[in-house]
Protein backbone atom coordinates (compact mmCIF):
# COMPACT_ATOMS: atom_id res chain seq x y z
CA UNK A 1 64.56 151.27 -0.53
CA UNK A 2 64.75 154.26 -2.80
CA UNK A 3 63.30 154.67 -6.29
CA UNK A 4 63.12 157.43 -8.85
CA UNK A 5 59.92 157.97 -10.79
CA UNK A 6 59.91 158.75 -14.51
CA UNK A 7 59.52 162.47 -13.71
CA UNK A 8 62.61 162.43 -11.49
CA UNK A 9 60.86 162.40 -8.11
CA UNK A 10 62.71 160.38 -5.44
CA UNK A 11 60.61 158.08 -3.33
CA UNK A 12 61.93 156.31 -0.26
CA UNK A 13 60.22 153.43 1.54
CA UNK A 14 61.22 151.39 4.57
CA UNK A 15 59.96 147.92 5.35
CA UNK A 16 60.80 145.03 7.62
CA UNK A 17 62.30 141.97 5.92
CA UNK A 18 62.99 138.48 7.15
CA UNK A 19 66.50 137.65 8.30
CA UNK A 20 68.16 134.81 6.36
CA UNK A 21 68.50 132.38 9.31
CA UNK A 22 64.85 132.34 10.39
CA UNK A 23 63.73 132.41 6.76
CA UNK A 24 65.78 129.30 5.87
CA UNK A 25 64.62 127.52 9.04
CA UNK A 26 60.98 128.27 8.18
CA UNK A 27 61.35 127.19 4.55
CA UNK A 28 63.04 123.92 5.56
CA UNK A 29 60.16 123.08 7.88
CA UNK A 30 57.50 124.07 5.32
CA UNK A 31 58.77 121.93 2.43
CA UNK A 32 56.89 118.78 3.42
CA UNK A 33 53.56 120.61 3.58
CA UNK A 34 53.81 122.22 0.14
CA UNK A 35 52.91 121.25 -3.40
CA UNK A 36 55.75 120.21 -5.68
CA UNK A 37 56.09 123.62 -7.36
CA UNK A 38 56.33 125.42 -4.02
CA UNK A 39 58.74 122.81 -2.68
CA UNK A 40 61.04 123.67 -5.57
CA UNK A 41 60.90 127.42 -4.97
CA UNK A 42 61.49 126.95 -1.23
CA UNK A 43 64.50 124.73 -1.92
CA UNK A 44 65.81 127.20 -4.50
CA UNK A 45 65.48 130.03 -1.97
CA UNK A 46 67.36 127.95 0.62
CA UNK A 47 70.21 127.21 -1.80
CA UNK A 48 70.46 130.82 -2.95
CA UNK A 49 70.37 132.27 0.57
CA UNK A 50 72.99 129.76 1.72
CA UNK A 51 75.40 130.33 -1.15
CA UNK A 52 74.94 134.06 -1.82
CA UNK A 53 77.94 136.07 -0.59
CA UNK A 54 75.68 138.74 0.92
CA UNK A 55 73.67 136.32 3.06
CA UNK A 56 75.96 133.35 3.79
CA UNK A 57 77.70 134.94 6.79
CA UNK A 58 74.59 136.28 8.54
CA UNK A 59 72.67 133.08 7.80
CA UNK A 60 75.31 130.79 9.26
CA UNK A 61 75.84 133.07 12.27
CA UNK A 62 72.11 133.11 12.99
CA UNK A 63 71.82 129.33 12.73
CA UNK A 64 74.87 128.88 14.97
CA UNK A 65 73.17 131.04 17.61
CA UNK A 66 69.68 129.52 17.43
CA UNK A 67 68.03 127.36 20.07
CA UNK A 68 69.31 123.77 20.28
CA UNK A 69 65.95 122.24 19.29
CA UNK A 70 65.70 124.48 16.24
CA UNK A 71 69.27 123.51 15.31
CA UNK A 72 68.36 119.81 15.52
CA UNK A 73 65.27 120.40 13.38
CA UNK A 74 67.31 122.30 10.77
CA UNK A 75 69.88 119.53 10.62
CA UNK A 76 67.18 116.90 10.29
CA UNK A 77 65.36 118.72 7.47
CA UNK A 78 68.61 119.49 5.63
CA UNK A 79 69.60 115.82 5.86
CA UNK A 80 66.21 114.76 4.52
CA UNK A 81 65.82 117.23 1.65
CA UNK A 82 69.40 118.03 0.61
CA UNK A 83 71.03 114.67 1.25
CA UNK A 84 68.55 111.77 1.30
CA UNK A 85 66.28 113.27 -1.40
CA UNK A 86 68.98 115.26 -3.20
CA UNK A 87 68.11 114.06 -6.72
CA UNK A 88 64.39 114.74 -6.25
CA UNK A 89 65.10 118.13 -4.70
CA UNK A 90 67.43 119.04 -7.56
CA UNK A 91 64.67 118.19 -10.04
CA UNK A 92 62.18 120.39 -8.16
CA UNK A 93 64.69 123.24 -7.98
CA UNK A 94 65.44 123.10 -11.69
CA UNK A 95 61.74 122.94 -12.57
CA UNK A 96 61.13 126.02 -10.37
CA UNK A 97 63.56 128.37 -12.08
CA UNK A 98 66.93 127.15 -10.90
CA UNK A 99 68.43 125.44 -13.95
CA UNK A 100 71.89 126.66 -12.93
CA UNK A 101 71.81 124.85 -9.56
CA UNK A 102 74.00 121.75 -9.49
CA UNK A 103 74.29 118.73 -7.22
CA UNK A 104 77.54 120.26 -5.93
CA UNK A 105 75.61 123.40 -4.91
CA UNK A 106 73.18 121.26 -2.94
CA UNK A 107 76.04 119.35 -1.28
CA UNK A 108 77.81 122.58 -0.29
CA UNK A 109 74.62 124.14 1.07
CA UNK A 110 73.89 120.99 3.08
CA UNK A 111 77.41 120.97 4.52
CA UNK A 112 77.23 124.64 5.50
CA UNK A 113 73.75 124.41 7.02
CA UNK A 114 74.44 121.24 9.00
CA UNK A 115 77.80 122.58 10.12
CA UNK A 116 76.27 125.79 11.44
CA UNK A 117 73.55 123.83 13.23
CA UNK A 118 75.96 121.45 14.94
CA UNK A 119 76.18 121.81 18.70
CA UNK A 120 79.09 120.88 20.93
CA UNK A 121 77.86 118.87 23.89
CA UNK A 122 79.56 119.54 27.18
CA UNK A 123 79.33 117.70 30.46
CA UNK A 124 79.11 120.93 32.42
CA UNK A 125 82.61 120.66 33.91
């Protein structure tokens, strides 16, 4: 990151940031242990990371490459929060600063996340 102070001095800083795949996986798991306000912000982050052009590709690639158990957990949590409790989740998202998020956005995010978490079972032959 680079910034310029009011006197024109350039300042550069480097920091580690979370990758979108692990961040979405963590937020999906954390939703059930949060208060309503935090549930909404976690869900909003998940929708934004999933649908943002800059993060969609890396996110889906990372989920496609994750461990099988993590993929099953992601699929389970997405089904619960973005499909079974879609209306409630949409209300939490809108109350947490996402008034522009629609039910269609939630449906698309769910489809993308579950699709990237799907595993092809083989019989080893």
